[in-house]
Amino acid sequence: MAGRRRLPRQYYQSEDVTGLARDLLGKYLVTEVDNRYCSGMIVETEAYRGPDDRACHAFNHRRTQRTEVLYAQGGVAYIYLCYGIHHLMNVVTAPRDTAHAILIRALQPENGMEVMADRRGMSANDVRLTKGPGALSQALGLTTNLSGVELFSSASPVWLEDRGVIIAEKDIYSSKRIGVAYAGEAAQWPWRYFLKDNKYVSVHRKSGL
């Protein structure tokens, strides 16, 4: 579509995972799953940094069959099943074997809202449509079957786009990440980023930093 640009492989190579987590605000997550096109603007993210981040699945260089994709060169999807129920969409960043990732926590839906509503079993106008990482994955058809796909590839059914949206620094808030109380000191890191006053953000909690 005119005026839209799939983010290239190089975009994901930065080792500054918190910087990328902020920069992804205003970018678009797009899927074409089962020939159904959907997209939404990213309004909430969380950064995870292996190997020193206890909240990261790759903490202390942990490598398992599930997490091996985290060690890929930046630019692939890491989608895992949380509590056996919710599929969570992460973007792997940084060079190979670095194991940094960004969780996409919420989207402002734009294209394919009727498709999203059908998948979610609710009205297209319901604010819960893409509010939260499990909700957005269900709405966009994201499952663990897509973990490892190259987001920059023209053949990928999942990708990120730059549609020219510019987010002012004053409109970006940060807070502690959600659901990582087990992570010791890392649980206090203000690595969750979200857009001020956006109704699709999962929880509005400003850090004050």
C-alpha atoms as a PDB file:
ATOM      1  CA  MET A   1       0.000   0.000   0.000  1.00  0.00           C
ATOM      2  CA  ALA A   2       1.262   3.449  -0.914  1.00  0.00           C
ATOM      3  CA  GLY A   3       3.072   5.398   1.755  1.00  0.00           C
ATOM      4  CA  ARG A   4       3.773   2.340   3.895  1.00  0.00           C
ATOM      5  CA  ARG A   5       7.146   0.706   4.413  1.00  0.00           C
ATOM      6  CA  ARG A   6       7.967  -2.689   5.884  1.00  0.00           C
ATOM      7  CA  LEU A   7      10.720  -2.235   8.476  1.00  0.00           C
ATOM      8  CA  PRO A   8      13.990  -3.626   7.074  1.00  0.00           C
ATOM      9  CA  ARG A   9      16.252  -6.208   8.697  1.00  0.00           C
ATOM     10  CA  GLN A  10      18.734  -3.526   9.745  1.00  0.00           C
ATOM     11  CA  TYR A  11      16.137  -1.771  11.901  1.00  0.00           C
ATOM     12  CA  TYR A  12      16.121  -4.677  14.349  1.00  0.00           C
ATOM     13  CA  GLN A  13      19.899  -4.953  14.794  1.00  0.00           C
ATOM     14  CA  SER A  14      20.313  -2.259  17.462  1.00  0.00           C
ATOM     15  CA  GLU A  15      21.524  -3.543  20.855  1.00  0.00           C
ATOM     16  CA  ASP A  16      19.572  -0.736  22.565  1.00  0.00           C
ATOM     17  CA  VAL A  17      16.458  -2.767  23.299  1.00  0.00           C
ATOM     18  CA  THR A  18      14.836  -0.056  25.427  1.00  0.00           C
ATOM     19  CA  GLY A  19      15.413   2.510  22.694  1.00  0.00           C
ATOM     20  CA  LEU A  20      13.775   0.222  20.149  1.00  0.00           C
ATOM     21  CA  ALA A  21      10.885  -0.494  22.505  1.00  0.00           C
ATOM     22  CA  ARG A  22      10.187   3.244  22.603  1.00  0.00           C
ATOM     23  CA  ASP A  23      10.694   3.644  18.862  1.00  0.00           C
ATOM     24  CA  LEU A  24       8.175   0.901  18.072  1.00  0.00           C
ATOM     25  CA  LEU A  25       5.419   3.092  19.510  1.00  0.00           C
ATOM     26  CA  GLY A  26       3.613   4.473  16.474  1.00  0.00           C
ATOM     27  CA  LYS A  27       4.789   1.671  14.178  1.00  0.00           C
ATOM     28  CA  TYR A  28       2.260  -0.815  12.820  1.00  0.00           C
ATOM     29  CA  LEU A  29       1.977  -4.550  13.400  1.00  0.00           C
ATOM     30  CA  VAL A  30       0.436  -6.181  10.337  1.00  0.00           C
ATOM     31  CA  THR A  31      -0.722  -9.724   9.598  1.00  0.00           C
ATOM     32  CA  GLU A  32      -2.136 -11.518   6.599  1.00  0.00           C
ATOM     33  CA  VAL A  33      -3.157 -14.823   8.126  1.00  0.00           C
ATOM     34  CA  ASP A  34      -5.661 -17.075   6.326  1.00  0.00           C
ATOM     35  CA  ASN A  35      -5.846 -14.374   3.616  1.00  0.00           C
ATOM     36  CA  ARG A  36      -7.284 -11.918   6.136  1.00  0.00           C
ATOM     37  CA  TYR A  37      -5.465  -8.575   6.385  1.00  0.00           C
ATOM     38  CA  CYS A  38      -5.297  -6.826   9.768  1.00  0.00           C
ATOM     39  CA  SER A  39      -3.182  -4.086  11.264  1.00  0.00           C
ATOM     40  CA  GLY A  40      -2.904  -1.834  14.276  1.00  0.00           C
ATOM     41  CA  MET A  41      -0.643   0.903  15.607  1.00  0.00           C
ATOM     42  CA  ILE A  42       1.617  -0.187  18.459  1.00  0.00           C
ATOM     43  CA  VAL A  43       0.742   1.787  21.596  1.00  0.00           C
ATOM     44  CA  GLU A  44       2.420  -0.280  24.352  1.00  0.00           C
ATOM     45  CA  THR A  45       5.634  -2.312  24.525  1.00  0.00           C
ATOM     46  CA  GLU A  46       7.973  -3.958  27.050  1.00  0.00           C
ATOM     47  CA  ALA A  47      11.711  -4.502  26.648  1.00  0.00           C
ATOM     48  CA  TYR A  48      13.498  -7.707  27.728  1.00  0.00           C
ATOM     49  CA  ARG A  49      17.281  -8.023  27.725  1.00  0.00           C
ATOM     50  CA  GLY A  50      19.172 -11.293  27.916  1.00  0.00           C
ATOM     51  CA  PRO A  51      21.240 -12.442  29.700  1.00  0.00           C
ATOM     52  CA  ASP A  52      21.152 -10.122  32.758  1.00  0.00           C
ATOM     53  CA  ASP A  53      17.379  -9.544  32.891  1.00  0.00           C
ATOM     54  CA  ARG A  54      15.717 -12.059  35.220  1.00  0.00           C
ATOM     55  CA  ALA A  55      12.376 -11.365  33.551  1.00  0.00           C
ATOM     56  CA  CYS A  56      13.751 -12.446  30.167  1.00  0.00           C
ATOM     57  CA  HIS A  57      13.326 -16.053  29.008  1.00  0.00           C
ATOM     58  CA  ALA A  58      17.016 -15.985  28.054  1.00  0.00           C
ATOM     59  CA  PHE A  59      18.231 -14.921  31.508  1.00  0.00           C
ATOM     60  CA  ASN A  60      21.689 -16.266  32.355  1.00  0.00           C
ATOM     61  CA  HIS A  61      22.096 -17.552  28.762  1.00  0.00           C
ATOM     62  CA  ARG A  62      19.217 -20.045  29.159  1.00  0.00           C
ATOM     63  CA  ARG A  63      18.585 -21.888  25.903  1.00  0.00           C
ATOM     64  CA  THR A  64      15.662 -24.256  25.388  1.00  0.00           C
ATOM     65  CA  GLN A  65      13.754 -25.509  22.370  1.00  0.00           C
ATOM     66  CA  ARG A  66      11.178 -22.768  22.954  1.00  0.00           C
ATOM     67  CA  THR A  67      13.612 -19.899  23.483  1.00  0.00           C
ATOM     68  CA  GLU A  68      16.210 -20.731  20.841  1.00  0.00           C
ATOM     69  CA  VAL A  69      14.547 -18.257  18.497  1.00  0.00           C
ATOM     70  CA  LEU A  70      15.552 -15.453  20.907  1.00  0.00           C
ATOM     71  CA  TYR A  71      19.158 -16.058  19.864  1.00  0.00           C
ATOM     72  CA  ALA A  72      18.432 -15.491  16.185  1.00  0.00           C
ATOM     73  CA  GLN A  73      19.544 -12.355  14.392  1.00  0.00           C
ATOM     74  CA  GLY A  74      17.131  -9.526  15.155  1.00  0.00           C
ATOM     75  CA  GLY A  75      14.048  -9.264  12.977  1.00  0.00           C
ATOM     76  CA  VAL A  76      12.132 -12.457  13.723  1.00  0.00           C
ATOM     77  CA  ALA A  77       8.994 -13.084  15.751  1.00  0.00           C
ATOM     78  CA  TYR A  78       9.121 -14.864  19.107  1.00  0.00           C
ATOM     79  CA  ILE A  79       5.603 -16.038  19.937  1.00  0.00           C
ATOM     80  CA  TYR A  80       5.033 -18.183  22.997  1.00  0.00           C
ATOM     81  CA  LEU A  81       2.051 -19.560  24.876  1.00  0.00           C
ATOM     82  CA  CYS A  82       1.493 -18.018  28.301  1.00  0.00           C
ATOM     83  CA  TYR A  83      -0.296 -20.128  30.936  1.00  0.00           C
ATOM     84  CA  GLY A  84      -1.305 -22.481  28.146  1.00  0.00           C
ATOM     85  CA  ILE A  85      -3.892 -19.941  26.970  1.00  0.00           C
ATOM     86  CA  HIS A  86      -2.531 -16.675  25.548  1.00  0.00           C
ATOM     87  CA  HIS A  87      -0.182 -16.327  22.582  1.00  0.00           C
ATOM     88  CA  LEU A  88       2.220 -13.411  23.166  1.00  0.00           C
ATOM     89  CA  MET A  89       3.965 -11.628  20.283  1.00  0.00           C
ATOM     90  CA  ASN A  90       7.578 -10.505  20.746  1.00  0.00           C
ATOM     91  CA  VAL A  91      10.024  -8.932  18.321  1.00  0.00           C
ATOM     92  CA  VAL A  92      13.571 -10.325  18.553  1.00  0.00           C
ATOM     93  CA  THR A  93      16.211  -7.591  18.292  1.00  0.00           C
ATOM     94  CA  ALA A  94      20.000  -7.128  18.249  1.00  0.00           C
ATOM     95  CA  PRO A  95      22.687  -9.286  16.543  1.00  0.00           C
ATOM     96  CA  ARG A  96      22.639 -13.084  16.627  1.00  0.00           C
ATOM     97  CA  ASP A  97      23.155 -14.699  20.074  1.00  0.00           C
ATOM     98  CA  THR A  98      22.271 -11.490  21.971  1.00  0.00           C
ATOM     99  CA  ALA A  99      18.730 -12.577  22.986  1.00  0.00           C
ATOM    100  CA  HIS A 100      16.961  -9.234  23.311  1.00  0.00           C
ATOM    101  CA  ALA A 101      13.229  -8.989  22.633  1.00  0.00           C
ATOM    102  CA  ILE A 102      10.293  -6.581  22.792  1.00  0.00           C
ATOM    103  CA  LEU A 103       6.822  -7.692  23.824  1.00  0.00           C
ATOM    104  CA  ILE A 104       3.999  -5.980  21.922  1.00  0.00           C
ATOM    105  CA  ARG A 105       1.426  -5.317  24.643  1.00  0.00           C
ATOM    106  CA  ALA A 106      -1.317  -3.324  22.903  1.00  0.00           C
ATOM    107  CA  LEU A 107      -2.431  -1.999  19.522  1.00  0.00           C
ATOM    108  CA  GLN A 108      -4.790   0.679  18.296  1.00  0.00           C
ATOM    109  CA  PRO A 109      -6.658  -1.267  15.584  1.00  0.00           C
ATOM    110  CA  GLU A 110      -6.812   0.227  12.108  1.00  0.00           C
ATOM    111  CA  ASN A 111      -7.393  -2.316   9.324  1.00  0.00           C
ATOM    112  CA  GLY A 112      -9.477  -5.473   9.422  1.00  0.00           C
ATOM    113  CA  MET A 113     -11.390  -4.638  12.569  1.00  0.00           C
ATOM    114  CA  GLU A 114     -14.305  -6.857  11.571  1.00  0.00           C
ATOM    115  CA  VAL A 115     -11.893  -9.759  11.143  1.00  0.00           C
ATOM    116  CA  MET A 116     -10.391  -9.035  14.558  1.00  0.00           C
ATOM    117  CA  ALA A 117     -13.860  -8.860  16.078  1.00  0.00           C
ATOM    118  CA  ASP A 118     -14.775 -12.223  14.580  1.00  0.00           C
ATOM    119  CA  ARG A 119     -11.649 -13.826  16.031  1.00  0.00           C
ATOM    120  CA  ARG A 120     -12.264 -12.242  19.417  1.00  0.00           C
ATOM    121  CA  GLY A 121     -16.013 -12.870  19.501  1.00  0.00           C
ATOM    122  CA  MET A 122     -16.872  -9.250  20.213  1.00  0.00           C
ATOM    123  CA  SER A 123     -17.873  -5.982  18.580  1.00  0.00           C
ATOM    124  CA  ALA A 124     -15.337  -4.187  16.375  1.00  0.00           C
ATOM    125  CA  ASN A 125     -15.904  -1.110  18.533  1.00  0.00           C
ATOM    126  CA  ASP A 126     -15.052  -2.890  21.780  1.00  0.00           C
ATOM    127  CA  VAL A 127     -11.988  -1.258  23.363  1.00  0.00           C
ATOM    128  CA  ARG A 128     -10.823  -4.695  24.522  1.00  0.00           C
ATOM    129  CA  LEU A 129     -10.294  -5.809  20.914  1.00  0.00           C
ATOM    130  CA  THR A 130      -6.499  -5.384  20.955  1.00  0.00           C
ATOM    131  CA  LYS A 131      -5.954  -4.233  24.541  1.00  0.00           C
ATOM    132  CA  GLY A 132      -3.306  -6.496  26.043  1.00  0.00           C
ATOM    133  CA  PRO A 133      -0.782  -8.898  24.493  1.00  0.00           C
ATOM    134  CA  GLY A 134      -3.030 -11.972  24.475  1.00  0.00           C
ATOM    135  CA  ALA A 135      -5.955 -10.020  23.023  1.00  0.00           C
ATOM    136  CA  LEU A 136      -3.967  -8.512  20.158  1.00  0.00           C
ATOM    137  CA  SER A 137      -2.424 -11.857  19.231  1.00  0.00           C
ATOM    138  CA  GLN A 138      -5.841 -13.479  19.048  1.00  0.00           C
ATOM    139  CA  ALA A 139      -7.236 -10.555  17.047  1.00  0.00           C
ATOM    140  CA  LEU A 140      -4.429 -10.671  14.485  1.00  0.00           C
ATOM    141  CA  GLY A 141      -4.260 -14.458  14.207  1.00  0.00           C
ATOM    142  CA  LEU A 142      -0.828 -14.749  15.832  1.00  0.00           C
ATOM    143  CA  THR A 143       0.054 -18.172  17.240  1.00  0.00           C
ATOM    144  CA  THR A 144       3.181 -20.139  18.109  1.00  0.00           C
ATOM    145  CA  ASN A 145       3.092 -21.593  14.577  1.00  0.00           C
ATOM    146  CA  LEU A 146       4.435 -18.226  13.415  1.00  0.00           C
ATOM    147  CA  SER A 147       7.286 -18.050  15.930  1.00  0.00           C
ATOM    148  CA  GLY A 148      10.563 -17.598  14.068  1.00  0.00           C
ATOM    149  CA  VAL A 149       9.163 -15.943  10.924  1.00  0.00           C
ATOM    150  CA  GLU A 150      11.289 -13.139   9.459  1.00  0.00           C
ATOM    151  CA  LEU A 151       9.374  -9.910   9.950  1.00  0.00           C
ATOM    152  CA  PHE A 152      11.320  -8.117   7.204  1.00  0.00           C
ATOM    153  CA  SER A 153      10.695 -10.765   4.523  1.00  0.00           C
ATOM    154  CA  SER A 154       8.241  -9.930   1.745  1.00  0.00           C
ATOM    155  CA  ALA A 155       6.942 -13.508   2.059  1.00  0.00           C
ATOM    156  CA  SER A 156       6.157 -13.252   5.775  1.00  0.00           C
ATOM    157  CA  PRO A 157       2.502 -13.218   6.913  1.00  0.00           C
ATOM    158  CA  VAL A 158       3.585 -11.021   9.857  1.00  0.00           C
ATOM    159  CA  TRP A 159       5.479  -7.757   9.573  1.00  0.00           C
ATOM    160  CA  LEU A 160       5.973  -4.273  10.995  1.00  0.00           C
ATOM    161  CA  GLU A 161       5.493  -1.050   9.052  1.00  0.00           C
ATOM    162  CA  ASP A 162       6.528   2.560   9.361  1.00  0.00           C
ATOM    163  CA  ARG A 163       3.541   4.640   8.266  1.00  0.00           C
ATOM    164  CA  GLY A 164       5.152   7.945   9.117  1.00  0.00           C
ATOM    165  CA  VAL A 165       3.551   8.422  12.530  1.00  0.00           C
ATOM    166  CA  ILE A 166       5.716  10.610  14.756  1.00  0.00           C
ATOM    167  CA  ILE A 167       5.280  10.263  18.518  1.00  0.00           C
ATOM    168  CA  ALA A 168       6.357  13.198  20.699  1.00  0.00           C
ATOM    169  CA  GLU A 169       8.581  12.327  23.658  1.00  0.00           C
ATOM    170  CA  LYS A 170       6.122  14.034  26.000  1.00  0.00           C
ATOM    171  CA  ASP A 171       3.471  11.507  24.975  1.00  0.00           C
ATOM    172  CA  ILE A 172       5.551   8.458  25.939  1.00  0.00           C
ATOM    173  CA  TYR A 173       5.206   7.218  29.499  1.00  0.00           C
ATOM    174  CA  SER A 174       7.118   4.408  31.178  1.00  0.00           C
ATOM    175  CA  SER A 175       6.526   2.101  34.110  1.00  0.00           C
ATOM    176  CA  LYS A 176       7.621  -1.183  35.599  1.00  0.00           C
ATOM    177  CA  ARG A 177       6.814  -4.174  33.446  1.00  0.00           C
ATOM    178  CA  ILE A 178       3.654  -6.115  34.217  1.00  0.00           C
ATOM    179  CA  GLY A 179       3.602  -9.611  35.709  1.00  0.00           C
ATOM    180  CA  VAL A 180       7.330  -9.935  36.460  1.00  0.00           C
ATOM    181  CA  ALA A 181       7.362  -9.556  40.252  1.00  0.00           C
ATOM    182  CA  TYR A 182       9.446 -12.759  40.452  1.00  0.00           C
ATOM    183  CA  ALA A 183      12.367 -11.067  38.674  1.00  0.00           C
ATOM    184  CA  GLY A 184      14.049  -9.459  41.695  1.00  0.00           C
ATOM    185  CA  GLU A 185      15.745  -6.140  40.977  1.00  0.00           C
ATOM    186  CA  ALA A 186      14.815  -6.411  37.308  1.00  0.00           C
ATOM    187  CA  ALA A 187      11.134  -6.217  38.232  1.00  0.00           C
ATOM    188  CA  GLN A 188      11.700  -2.554  39.117  1.00  0.00           C
ATOM    189  CA  TRP A 189      13.209  -1.551  35.781  1.00  0.00           C
ATOM    190  CA  PRO A 190      10.915   0.955  34.003  1.00  0.00           C
ATOM    191  CA  TRP A 191      10.991  -0.876  30.688  1.00  0.00           C
ATOM    192  CA  ARG A 192       7.323  -0.722  29.793  1.00  0.00           C
ATOM    193  CA  TYR A 193       6.485   2.099  27.385  1.00  0.00           C
ATOM    194  CA  PHE A 194       3.070   3.347  26.345  1.00  0.00           C
ATOM    195  CA  LEU A 195       1.242   6.273  24.777  1.00  0.00           C
ATOM    196  CA  LYS A 196      -0.306   8.841  27.064  1.00  0.00           C
ATOM    197  CA  ASP A 197      -4.125   8.738  27.190  1.00  0.00           C
ATOM    198  CA  ASN A 198      -4.471   6.035  24.523  1.00  0.00           C
ATOM    199  CA  LYS A 199      -7.557   3.987  25.380  1.00  0.00           C
ATOM    200  CA  TYR A 200      -6.081   0.749  24.041  1.00  0.00           C
ATOM    201  CA  VAL A 201      -3.173   0.714  26.512  1.00  0.00           C
ATOM    202  CA  SER A 202      -3.635  -2.244  28.850  1.00  0.00           C
ATOM    203  CA  VAL A 203      -2.913  -0.410  32.117  1.00  0.00           C
ATOM    204  CA  HIS A 204      -2.236   3.308  32.580  1.00  0.00           C
ATOM    205  CA  ARG A 205       0.478   3.542  35.210  1.00  0.00           C
ATOM    206  CA  LYS A 206       3.070   6.302  34.865  1.00  0.00           C
ATOM    207  CA  SER A 207       6.479   5.703  36.448  1.00  0.00           C
ATOM    208  CA  GLY A 208       7.324   9.335  36.983  1.00  0.00           C
ATOM    209  CA  LEU A 209      10.758   8.836  35.407  1.00  0.00           C
END
